[in-house]
Amino acid sequence: IGLRELERFVYTGLVGRLDLPEALRAQRVQAARREVRWIADLMASQ
């Protein structure tokens, strides 16, 4: 996993386009953060 791509993923959020309402965009960013936490848990549990 490329860390640069992962940072962009968290910053952008799980969105199909960028012109989303700010509140919805914030929800999608939280969804992206959830996936990164999932990866962290996988790496920790090995």
All heavy atoms as atom14 arrays in JSON, in Angstrom:
{
  "sequence": "IGLRELERFVYTGLVGRLDLPEALRAQRVQAARREVRWIADLMASQ",
  "atom14_mask": [
    [1, 1, 1, 1, 1, 1, 1, 1, 0, 0, 0, 0, 0, 0],
    [1, 1, 1, 1, 0, 0, 0, 0, 0, 0, 0, 0, 0, 0],
    [1, 1, 1, 1, 1, 1, 1, 1, 0, 0, 0, 0, 0, 0],
    [1, 1, 1, 1, 1, 1, 1, 1, 1, 1, 1, 0, 0, 0],
    [1, 1, 1, 1, 1, 1, 1, 1, 1, 0, 0, 0, 0, 0],
    [1, 1, 1, 1, 1, 1, 1, 1, 0, 0, 0, 0, 0, 0],
    [1, 1, 1, 1, 1, 1, 1, 1, 1, 0, 0, 0, 0, 0],
    [1, 1, 1, 1, 1, 1, 1, 1, 1, 1, 1, 0, 0, 0],
    [1, 1, 1, 1, 1, 1, 1, 1, 1, 1, 1, 0, 0, 0],
    [1, 1, 1, 1, 1, 1, 1, 0, 0, 0, 0, 0, 0, 0],
    [1, 1, 1, 1, 1, 1, 1, 1, 1, 1, 1, 1, 0, 0],
    [1, 1, 1, 1, 1, 1, 1, 0, 0, 0, 0, 0, 0, 0],
    [1, 1, 1, 1, 0, 0, 0, 0, 0, 0, 0, 0, 0, 0],
    [1, 1, 1, 1, 1, 1, 1, 1, 0, 0, 0, 0, 0, 0],
    [1, 1, 1, 1, 1, 1, 1, 0, 0, 0, 0, 0, 0, 0],
    [1, 1, 1, 1, 0, 0, 0, 0, 0, 0, 0, 0, 0, 0],
    [1, 1, 1, 1, 1, 1, 1, 1, 1, 1, 1, 0, 0, 0],
    [1, 1, 1, 1, 1, 1, 1, 1, 0, 0, 0, 0, 0, 0],
    [1, 1, 1, 1, 1, 1, 1, 1, 0, 0, 0, 0, 0, 0],
    [1, 1, 1, 1, 1, 1, 1, 1, 0, 0, 0, 0, 0, 0],
    [1, 1, 1, 1, 1, 1, 1, 0, 0, 0, 0, 0, 0, 0],
    [1, 1, 1, 1, 1, 1, 1, 1, 1, 0, 0, 0, 0, 0],
    [1, 1, 1, 1, 1, 0, 0, 0, 0, 0, 0, 0, 0, 0],
    [1, 1, 1, 1, 1, 1, 1, 1, 0, 0, 0, 0, 0, 0],
    [1, 1, 1, 1, 1, 1, 1, 1, 1, 1, 1, 0, 0, 0],
    [1, 1, 1, 1, 1, 0, 0, 0, 0, 0, 0, 0, 0, 0],
    [1, 1, 1, 1, 1, 1, 1, 1, 1, 0, 0, 0, 0, 0],
    [1, 1, 1, 1, 1, 1, 1, 1, 1, 1, 1, 0, 0, 0],
    [1, 1, 1, 1, 1, 1, 1, 0, 0, 0, 0, 0, 0, 0],
    [1, 1, 1, 1, 1, 1, 1, 1, 1, 0, 0, 0, 0, 0],
    [1, 1, 1, 1, 1, 0, 0, 0, 0, 0, 0, 0, 0, 0],
    [1, 1, 1, 1, 1, 0, 0, 0, 0, 0, 0, 0, 0, 0],
    [1, 1, 1, 1, 1, 1, 1, 1, 1, 1, 1, 0, 0, 0],
    [1, 1, 1, 1, 1, 1, 1, 1, 1, 1, 1, 0, 0, 0],
    [1, 1, 1, 1, 1, 1, 1, 1, 1, 0, 0, 0, 0, 0],
    [1, 1, 1, 1, 1, 1, 1, 0, 0, 0, 0, 0, 0, 0],
    [1, 1, 1, 1, 1, 1, 1, 1, 1, 1, 1, 0, 0, 0],
    [1, 1, 1, 1, 1, 1, 1, 1, 1, 1, 1, 1, 1, 1],
    [1, 1, 1, 1, 1, 1, 1, 1, 0, 0, 0, 0, 0, 0],
    [1, 1, 1, 1, 1, 0, 0, 0, 0, 0, 0, 0, 0, 0],
    [1, 1, 1, 1, 1, 1, 1, 1, 0, 0, 0, 0, 0, 0],
    [1, 1, 1, 1, 1, 1, 1, 1, 0, 0, 0, 0, 0, 0],
    [1, 1, 1, 1, 1, 1, 1, 1, 0, 0, 0, 0, 0, 0],
    [1, 1, 1, 1, 1, 0, 0, 0, 0, 0, 0, 0, 0, 0],
    [1, 1, 1, 1, 1, 1, 0, 0, 0, 0, 0, 0, 0, 0],
    [1, 1, 1, 1, 1, 1, 1, 1, 1, 0, 0, 0, 0, 0]
  ],
  "atom14_positions": [
    [[0.85, -1.18, 0.0], [0.0, 0.0, 0.0], [0.89, 1.23, 0.0], [1.79, 1.37, 0.84], [-0.91, 0.02, 1.24], [-1.79, -1.23, 1.28], [-1.77, 1.27, 1.26], [-2.62, -1.36, 2.54], [0.0, 0.0, 0.0], [0.0, 0.0, 0.0], [0.0, 0.0, 0.0], [0.0, 0.0, 0.0], [0.0, 0.0, 0.0], [0.0, 0.0, 0.0]],
    [[0.65, 2.15, -0.94], [1.41, 3.38, -0.99], [0.88, 4.38, 0.03], [-0.31, 4.69, 0.05], [0.0, 0.0, 0.0], [0.0, 0.0, 0.0], [0.0, 0.0, 0.0], [0.0, 0.0, 0.0], [0.0, 0.0, 0.0], [0.0, 0.0, 0.0], [0.0, 0.0, 0.0], [0.0, 0.0, 0.0], [0.0, 0.0, 0.0], [0.0, 0.0, 0.0]],
    [[1.75, 4.88, 0.91], [1.31, 5.81, 1.94], [0.8, 7.12, 1.36], [-0.14, 7.72, 1.88], [2.47, 6.09, 2.91], [2.65, 5.05, 4.02], [3.95, 5.29, 4.77], [1.48, 5.08, 4.99], [0.0, 0.0, 0.0], [0.0, 0.0, 0.0], [0.0, 0.0, 0.0], [0.0, 0.0, 0.0], [0.0, 0.0, 0.0], [0.0, 0.0, 0.0]],
    [[1.37, 7.57, 0.25], [0.91, 8.81, -0.36], [-0.52, 8.66, -0.87], [-1.36, 9.55, -0.7], [1.85, 9.21, -1.51], [3.28, 9.47, -1.05], [4.21, 9.78, -2.21], [5.6, 9.81, -1.77], [6.63, 10.04, -2.57], [6.41, 10.27, -3.86], [7.88, 10.05, -2.1], [0.0, 0.0, 0.0], [0.0, 0.0, 0.0], [0.0, 0.0, 0.0]],
    [[-0.8, 7.51, -1.5], [-2.15, 7.25, -1.98], [-3.13, 7.12, -0.81], [-4.28, 7.55, -0.89], [-2.19, 5.97, -2.83], [-1.52, 6.09, -4.19], [-0.02, 5.89, -4.13], [0.52, 5.73, -3.02], [0.63, 5.9, -5.2], [0.0, 0.0, 0.0], [0.0, 0.0, 0.0], [0.0, 0.0, 0.0], [0.0, 0.0, 0.0], [0.0, 0.0, 0.0]],
    [[-2.65, 6.53, 0.29], [-3.52, 6.34, 1.45], [-3.86, 7.68, 2.11], [-4.99, 7.91, 2.55], [-2.84, 5.42, 2.46], [-3.76, 4.61, 3.38], [-4.69, 3.73, 2.56], [-2.93, 3.75, 4.33], [0.0, 0.0, 0.0], [0.0, 0.0, 0.0], [0.0, 0.0, 0.0], [0.0, 0.0, 0.0], [0.0, 0.0, 0.0], [0.0, 0.0, 0.0]],
    [[-2.91, 8.59, 2.15], [-3.18, 9.93, 2.69], [-4.23, 10.65, 1.85], [-5.14, 11.29, 2.38], [-1.89, 10.75, 2.74], [-0.95, 10.35, 3.86], [0.18, 11.35, 4.04], [-0.02, 12.53, 3.7], [1.25, 10.95, 4.51], [0.0, 0.0, 0.0], [0.0, 0.0, 0.0], [0.0, 0.0, 0.0], [0.0, 0.0, 0.0], [0.0, 0.0, 0.0]],
    [[-4.09, 10.54, 0.54], [-5.07, 11.18, -0.36], [-6.45, 10.56, -0.15], [-7.47, 11.26, -0.15], [-4.63, 11.0, -1.81], [-5.5, 11.74, -2.83], [-5.07, 11.38, -4.23], [-5.33, 9.97, -4.51], [-4.57, 9.23, -5.32], [-3.5, 9.76, -5.91], [-4.87, 7.97, -5.54], [0.0, 0.0, 0.0], [0.0, 0.0, 0.0], [0.0, 0.0, 0.0]],
    [[-6.48, 9.25, 0.05], [-7.73, 8.53, 0.28], [-8.45, 9.05, 1.53], [-9.65, 9.32, 1.51], [-7.38, 7.04, 0.44], [-8.52, 6.14, 0.81], [-9.55, 5.89, -0.07], [-8.55, 5.51, 2.04], [-10.59, 5.03, 0.26], [-9.57, 4.65, 2.39], [-10.6, 4.42, 1.49], [0.0, 0.0, 0.0], [0.0, 0.0, 0.0], [0.0, 0.0, 0.0]],
    [[-7.69, 9.24, 2.61], [-8.29, 9.73, 3.85], [-8.73, 11.19, 3.69], [-9.8, 11.58, 4.17], [-7.28, 9.6, 5.01], [-7.82, 10.26, 6.28], [-6.99, 8.12, 5.28], [0.0, 0.0, 0.0], [0.0, 0.0, 0.0], [0.0, 0.0, 0.0], [0.0, 0.0, 0.0], [0.0, 0.0, 0.0], [0.0, 0.0, 0.0], [0.0, 0.0, 0.0]],
    [[-7.93, 11.98, 3.02], [-8.26, 13.4, 2.85], [-9.5, 13.58, 1.97], [-10.37, 14.41, 2.26], [-7.07, 14.13, 2.24], [-7.34, 15.61, 2.0], [-7.28, 16.52, 3.04], [-7.67, 16.07, 0.72], [-7.54, 17.87, 2.82], [-7.94, 17.4, 0.49], [-7.86, 18.3, 1.55], [-8.13, 19.62, 1.33], [0.0, 0.0, 0.0], [0.0, 0.0, 0.0]],
    [[-9.59, 12.78, 0.91], [-10.69, 12.93, -0.05], [-11.97, 12.28, 0.45], [-13.07, 12.81, 0.29], [-10.31, 12.33, -1.42], [-9.07, 12.88, -1.85], [-11.38, 12.61, -2.46], [0.0, 0.0, 0.0], [0.0, 0.0, 0.0], [0.0, 0.0, 0.0], [0.0, 0.0, 0.0], [0.0, 0.0, 0.0], [0.0, 0.0, 0.0], [0.0, 0.0, 0.0]],
    [[-11.86, 11.1, 1.08], [-13.03, 10.37, 1.55], [-13.58, 9.45, 0.48], [-13.15, 9.46, -0.67], [0.0, 0.0, 0.0], [0.0, 0.0, 0.0], [0.0, 0.0, 0.0], [0.0, 0.0, 0.0], [0.0, 0.0, 0.0], [0.0, 0.0, 0.0], [0.0, 0.0, 0.0], [0.0, 0.0, 0.0], [0.0, 0.0, 0.0], [0.0, 0.0, 0.0]],
    [[-14.55, 8.63, 0.86], [-15.15, 7.66, -0.06], [-16.21, 8.37, -0.91], [-17.41, 8.29, -0.65], [-15.77, 6.5, 0.71], [-14.78, 5.61, 1.46], [-15.51, 4.53, 2.24], [-13.8, 4.97, 0.5], [0.0, 0.0, 0.0], [0.0, 0.0, 0.0], [0.0, 0.0, 0.0], [0.0, 0.0, 0.0], [0.0, 0.0, 0.0], [0.0, 0.0, 0.0]],
    [[-15.73, 9.06, -1.94], [-16.62, 9.86, -2.77], [-16.49, 9.45, -4.23], [-15.42, 9.04, -4.67], [-16.33, 11.37, -2.64], [-16.56, 11.83, -1.21], [-14.9, 11.69, -3.08], [0.0, 0.0, 0.0], [0.0, 0.0, 0.0], [0.0, 0.0, 0.0], [0.0, 0.0, 0.0], [0.0, 0.0, 0.0], [0.0, 0.0, 0.0], [0.0, 0.0, 0.0]],
    [[-17.59, 9.57, -4.95], [-17.57, 9.32, -6.39], [-17.32, 10.58, -7.18], [-16.92, 10.53, -8.34], [0.0, 0.0, 0.0], [0.0, 0.0, 0.0], [0.0, 0.0, 0.0], [0.0, 0.0, 0.0], [0.0, 0.0, 0.0], [0.0, 0.0, 0.0], [0.0, 0.0, 0.0], [0.0, 0.0, 0.0], [0.0, 0.0, 0.0], [0.0, 0.0, 0.0]],
    [[-17.55, 11.73, -6.56], [-17.25, 13.03, -7.18], [-16.99, 14.02, -6.05], [-17.29, 13.76, -4.89], [-18.4, 13.49, -8.07], [-19.71, 13.75, -7.36], [-20.76, 14.28, -8.34], [-21.9, 14.85, -7.64], [-22.98, 14.17, -7.3], [-23.07, 12.88, -7.61], [-23.97, 14.77, -6.67], [0.0, 0.0, 0.0], [0.0, 0.0, 0.0], [0.0, 0.0, 0.0]],
    [[-16.44, 15.18, -6.39], [-15.99, 16.13, -5.38], [-17.03, 17.18, -5.01], [-16.88, 17.85, -3.98], [-14.71, 16.83, -5.85], [-13.49, 15.91, -6.02], [-12.32, 16.7, -6.59], [-13.11, 15.27, -4.69], [0.0, 0.0, 0.0], [0.0, 0.0, 0.0], [0.0, 0.0, 0.0], [0.0, 0.0, 0.0], [0.0, 0.0, 0.0], [0.0, 0.0, 0.0]],
    [[-18.07, 17.35, -5.81], [-19.04, 18.43, -5.57], [-20.17, 17.98, -4.65], [-21.34, 18.21, -4.93], [-19.59, 18.96, -6.89], [-20.29, 17.88, -7.7], [-20.01, 16.68, -7.46], [-21.11, 18.22, -8.57], [0.0, 0.0, 0.0], [0.0, 0.0, 0.0], [0.0, 0.0, 0.0], [0.0, 0.0, 0.0], [0.0, 0.0, 0.0], [0.0, 0.0, 0.0]],
    [[-19.82, 17.34, -3.55], [-20.82, 16.88, -2.59], [-21.01, 17.93, -1.49], [-20.08, 18.69, -1.19], [-20.39, 15.56, -1.96], [-20.24, 14.35, -2.9], [-19.72, 13.16, -2.11], [-21.54, 14.02, -3.58], [0.0, 0.0, 0.0], [0.0, 0.0, 0.0], [0.0, 0.0, 0.0], [0.0, 0.0, 0.0], [0.0, 0.0, 0.0], [0.0, 0.0, 0.0]],
    [[-22.18, 17.97, -0.86], [-22.38, 18.87, 0.28], [-21.35, 18.59, 1.37], [-20.92, 17.45, 1.55], [-23.8, 18.53, 0.75], [-24.47, 17.94, -0.45], [-23.4, 17.21, -1.21], [0.0, 0.0, 0.0], [0.0, 0.0, 0.0], [0.0, 0.0, 0.0], [0.0, 0.0, 0.0], [0.0, 0.0, 0.0], [0.0, 0.0, 0.0], [0.0, 0.0, 0.0]],
    [[-20.97, 19.63, 2.08], [-19.88, 19.51, 3.06], [-20.19, 18.47, 4.13], [-19.32, 17.71, 4.54], [-19.62, 20.87, 3.69], [-18.33, 20.93, 4.49], [-17.1, 20.63, 3.64], [-17.09, 20.98, 2.44], [-16.15, 20.01, 4.19], [0.0, 0.0, 0.0], [0.0, 0.0, 0.0], [0.0, 0.0, 0.0], [0.0, 0.0, 0.0], [0.0, 0.0, 0.0]],
    [[-21.43, 18.43, 4.6], [-21.79, 17.47, 5.64], [-21.66, 16.04, 5.14], [-21.17, 15.15, 5.85], [-23.22, 17.73, 6.12], [0.0, 0.0, 0.0], [0.0, 0.0, 0.0], [0.0, 0.0, 0.0], [0.0, 0.0, 0.0], [0.0, 0.0, 0.0], [0.0, 0.0, 0.0], [0.0, 0.0, 0.0], [0.0, 0.0, 0.0], [0.0, 0.0, 0.0]],
    [[-22.08, 15.81, 3.89], [-21.96, 14.47, 3.3], [-20.5, 14.12, 3.08], [-20.08, 12.98, 3.32], [-22.74, 14.42, 1.99], [-22.78, 13.06, 1.27], [-23.33, 11.98, 2.19], [-23.62, 13.16, -0.01], [0.0, 0.0, 0.0], [0.0, 0.0, 0.0], [0.0, 0.0, 0.0], [0.0, 0.0, 0.0], [0.0, 0.0, 0.0], [0.0, 0.0, 0.0]],
    [[-19.74, 15.08, 2.63], [-18.31, 14.85, 2.42], [-17.64, 14.46, 3.74], [-16.78, 13.56, 3.77], [-17.69, 16.13, 1.85], [-16.17, 16.11, 1.71], [-15.71, 15.32, 0.49], [-14.28, 15.41, 0.36], [-13.64, 16.39, -0.27], [-14.32, 17.37, -0.84], [-12.33, 16.37, -0.37], [0.0, 0.0, 0.0], [0.0, 0.0, 0.0], [0.0, 0.0, 0.0]],
    [[-18.03, 15.1, 4.84], [-17.45, 14.76, 6.15], [-17.76, 13.31, 6.53], [-16.91, 12.61, 7.09], [-17.97, 15.73, 7.21], [0.0, 0.0, 0.0], [0.0, 0.0, 0.0], [0.0, 0.0, 0.0], [0.0, 0.0, 0.0], [0.0, 0.0, 0.0], [0.0, 0.0, 0.0], [0.0, 0.0, 0.0], [0.0, 0.0, 0.0], [0.0, 0.0, 0.0]],
    [[-18.97, 12.85, 6.21], [-19.33, 11.46, 6.49], [-18.45, 10.49, 5.69], [-18.02, 9.45, 6.2], [-20.8, 11.23, 6.15], [-21.78, 11.95, 7.05], [-23.21, 11.74, 6.61], [-23.52, 10.86, 5.8], [-24.13, 12.57, 7.13], [0.0, 0.0, 0.0], [0.0, 0.0, 0.0], [0.0, 0.0, 0.0], [0.0, 0.0, 0.0], [0.0, 0.0, 0.0]],
    [[-18.19, 10.87, 4.45], [-17.37, 9.99, 3.59], [-15.92, 9.95, 4.05], [-15.25, 8.93, 3.89], [-17.46, 10.46, 2.14], [-18.88, 10.53, 1.6], [-19.56, 9.16, 1.58], [-20.88, 9.28, 0.99], [-21.1, 9.39, -0.31], [-20.09, 9.37, -1.17], [-22.34, 9.52, -0.78], [0.0, 0.0, 0.0], [0.0, 0.0, 0.0], [0.0, 0.0, 0.0]],
    [[-15.43, 11.05, 4.58], [-14.08, 11.06, 5.13], [-14.01, 10.11, 6.33], [-13.04, 9.36, 6.49], [-13.67, 12.49, 5.54], [-12.39, 12.46, 6.39], [-13.45, 13.35, 4.3], [0.0, 0.0, 0.0], [0.0, 0.0, 0.0], [0.0, 0.0, 0.0], [0.0, 0.0, 0.0], [0.0, 0.0, 0.0], [0.0, 0.0, 0.0], [0.0, 0.0, 0.0]],
    [[-15.04, 10.11, 7.16], [-15.07, 9.19, 8.31], [-15.09, 7.74, 7.84], [-14.49, 6.86, 8.46], [-16.28, 9.5, 9.19], [-16.17, 10.81, 9.95], [-14.91, 10.88, 10.8], [-14.56, 9.93, 11.51], [-14.21, 12.01, 10.72], [0.0, 0.0, 0.0], [0.0, 0.0, 0.0], [0.0, 0.0, 0.0], [0.0, 0.0, 0.0], [0.0, 0.0, 0.0]],
    [[-15.8, 7.47, 6.74], [-15.84, 6.11, 6.19], [-14.46, 5.68, 5.71], [-14.04, 4.53, 5.9], [-16.85, 6.04, 5.04], [0.0, 0.0, 0.0], [0.0, 0.0, 0.0], [0.0, 0.0, 0.0], [0.0, 0.0, 0.0], [0.0, 0.0, 0.0], [0.0, 0.0, 0.0], [0.0, 0.0, 0.0], [0.0, 0.0, 0.0], [0.0, 0.0, 0.0]],
    [[-13.71, 6.61, 5.1], [-12.36, 6.3, 4.65], [-11.44, 6.04, 5.85], [-10.62, 5.12, 5.84], [-11.81, 7.45, 3.8], [0.0, 0.0, 0.0], [0.0, 0.0, 0.0], [0.0, 0.0, 0.0], [0.0, 0.0, 0.0], [0.0, 0.0, 0.0], [0.0, 0.0, 0.0], [0.0, 0.0, 0.0], [0.0, 0.0, 0.0], [0.0, 0.0, 0.0]],
    [[-11.6, 6.84, 6.89], [-10.81, 6.64, 8.1], [-11.1, 5.28, 8.73], [-10.21, 4.6, 9.25], [-11.09, 7.76, 9.11], [-10.6, 9.13, 8.66], [-11.05, 10.22, 9.62], [-10.39, 10.06, 10.92], [-9.2, 10.57, 11.23], [-8.53, 11.26, 10.33], [-8.69, 10.39, 12.43], [0.0, 0.0, 0.0], [0.0, 0.0, 0.0], [0.0, 0.0, 0.0]],
    [[-12.37, 4.86, 8.66], [-12.74, 3.53, 9.18], [-11.99, 2.43, 8.45], [-11.51, 1.46, 9.06], [-14.25, 3.33, 9.02], [-14.77, 2.0, 9.56], [-16.16, 1.73, 9.02], [-16.16, 1.55, 7.58], [-17.08, 2.04, 6.74], [-18.07, 2.77, 7.2], [-17.0, 1.81, 5.45], [0.0, 0.0, 0.0], [0.0, 0.0, 0.0], [0.0, 0.0, 0.0]],
    [[-11.85, 2.57, 7.11], [-11.13, 1.55, 6.35], [-9.65, 1.52, 6.71], [-9.03, 0.45, 6.78], [-11.29, 1.8, 4.85], [-12.67, 1.49, 4.32], [-13.08, 0.04, 4.53], [-12.23, -0.87, 4.39], [-14.26, -0.2, 4.86], [0.0, 0.0, 0.0], [0.0, 0.0, 0.0], [0.0, 0.0, 0.0], [0.0, 0.0, 0.0], [0.0, 0.0, 0.0]],
    [[-9.06, 2.7, 6.95], [-7.65, 2.75, 7.32], [-7.45, 2.12, 8.7], [-6.47, 1.41, 8.95], [-7.12, 4.19, 7.27], [-5.67, 4.26, 7.77], [-7.2, 4.73, 5.84], [0.0, 0.0, 0.0], [0.0, 0.0, 0.0], [0.0, 0.0, 0.0], [0.0, 0.0, 0.0], [0.0, 0.0, 0.0], [0.0, 0.0, 0.0], [0.0, 0.0, 0.0]],
    [[-8.38, 2.37, 9.62], [-8.31, 1.71, 10.94], [-8.41, 0.2, 10.78], [-7.76, -0.56, 11.5], [-9.41, 2.23, 11.86], [-9.13, 3.61, 12.43], [-10.08, 3.94, 13.58], [-11.46, 4.05, 13.12], [-12.02, 5.18, 12.72], [-11.31, 6.3, 12.7], [-13.27, 5.2, 12.32], [0.0, 0.0, 0.0], [0.0, 0.0, 0.0], [0.0, 0.0, 0.0]],
    [[-9.24, -0.26, 9.83], [-9.37, -1.69, 9.56], [-8.03, -2.28, 9.11], [-7.62, -3.36, 9.56], [-10.44, -1.91, 8.49], [-10.6, -3.32, 8.03], [-10.0, -3.9, 6.95], [-11.42, -4.34, 8.61], [-10.38, -5.21, 6.82], [-11.25, -5.51, 7.83], [-12.27, -4.38, 9.71], [-11.92, -6.69, 8.12], [-12.92, -5.57, 10.0], [-12.74, -6.7, 9.21]],
    [[-7.33, -1.55, 8.24], [-6.01, -2.01, 7.78], [-5.04, -2.05, 8.96], [-4.26, -3.01, 9.1], [-5.46, -1.07, 6.68], [-6.38, -1.05, 5.47], [-4.07, -1.53, 6.25], [-5.99, -0.01, 4.44], [0.0, 0.0, 0.0], [0.0, 0.0, 0.0], [0.0, 0.0, 0.0], [0.0, 0.0, 0.0], [0.0, 0.0, 0.0], [0.0, 0.0, 0.0]],
    [[-5.08, -1.01, 9.8], [-4.19, -0.97, 10.96], [-4.44, -2.17, 11.88], [-3.5, -2.8, 12.38], [-4.38, 0.33, 11.73], [0.0, 0.0, 0.0], [0.0, 0.0, 0.0], [0.0, 0.0, 0.0], [0.0, 0.0, 0.0], [0.0, 0.0, 0.0], [0.0, 0.0, 0.0], [0.0, 0.0, 0.0], [0.0, 0.0, 0.0], [0.0, 0.0, 0.0]],
    [[-5.71, -2.5, 12.07], [-6.04, -3.66, 12.91], [-5.55, -4.96, 12.29], [-5.07, -5.86, 12.99], [-7.56, -3.73, 13.14], [-8.07, -2.6, 14.01], [-7.25, -1.94, 14.68], [-9.31, -2.36, 14.01], [0.0, 0.0, 0.0], [0.0, 0.0, 0.0], [0.0, 0.0, 0.0], [0.0, 0.0, 0.0], [0.0, 0.0, 0.0], [0.0, 0.0, 0.0]],
    [[-5.66, -5.07, 10.97], [-5.16, -6.26, 10.27], [-3.65, -6.38, 10.46], [-3.12, -7.47, 10.72], [-5.48, -6.19, 8.78], [-6.8, -6.75, 8.28], [-6.94, -6.53, 6.78], [-6.93, -8.24, 8.6], [0.0, 0.0, 0.0], [0.0, 0.0, 0.0], [0.0, 0.0, 0.0], [0.0, 0.0, 0.0], [0.0, 0.0, 0.0], [0.0, 0.0, 0.0]],
    [[-2.95, -5.26, 10.32], [-1.49, -5.28, 10.46], [-1.1, -5.64, 11.89], [-0.12, -6.35, 12.11], [-0.9, -3.94, 10.06], [-1.12, -3.58, 8.6], [-0.22, -2.09, 8.08], [1.45, -2.76, 7.93], [0.0, 0.0, 0.0], [0.0, 0.0, 0.0], [0.0, 0.0, 0.0], [0.0, 0.0, 0.0], [0.0, 0.0, 0.0], [0.0, 0.0, 0.0]],
    [[-1.88, -5.16, 12.86], [-1.56, -5.43, 14.26], [-1.82, -6.89, 14.61], [-1.04, -7.52, 15.34], [-2.36, -4.51, 15.17], [0.0, 0.0, 0.0], [0.0, 0.0, 0.0], [0.0, 0.0, 0.0], [0.0, 0.0, 0.0], [0.0, 0.0, 0.0], [0.0, 0.0, 0.0], [0.0, 0.0, 0.0], [0.0, 0.0, 0.0], [0.0, 0.0, 0.0]],
    [[-2.91, -7.45, 14.1], [-3.27, -8.83, 14.43], [-2.47, -9.85, 13.63], [-2.33, -11.0, 14.05], [-4.77, -9.06, 14.21], [-5.11, -8.86, 12.84], [0.0, 0.0, 0.0], [0.0, 0.0, 0.0], [0.0, 0.0, 0.0], [0.0, 0.0, 0.0], [0.0, 0.0, 0.0], [0.0, 0.0, 0.0], [0.0, 0.0, 0.0], [0.0, 0.0, 0.0]],
    [[-1.96, -9.44, 12.45], [-1.11, -10.28, 11.61], [-1.7, -11.68, 11.37], [-1.16, -12.68, 11.84], [0.29, -10.41, 12.24], [0.99, -9.08, 12.43], [2.4, -9.23, 12.96], [3.22, -9.91, 12.36], [2.69, -8.59, 14.08], [0.0, 0.0, 0.0], [0.0, 0.0, 0.0], [0.0, 0.0, 0.0], [0.0, 0.0, 0.0], [0.0, 0.0, 0.0]]
  ]
}
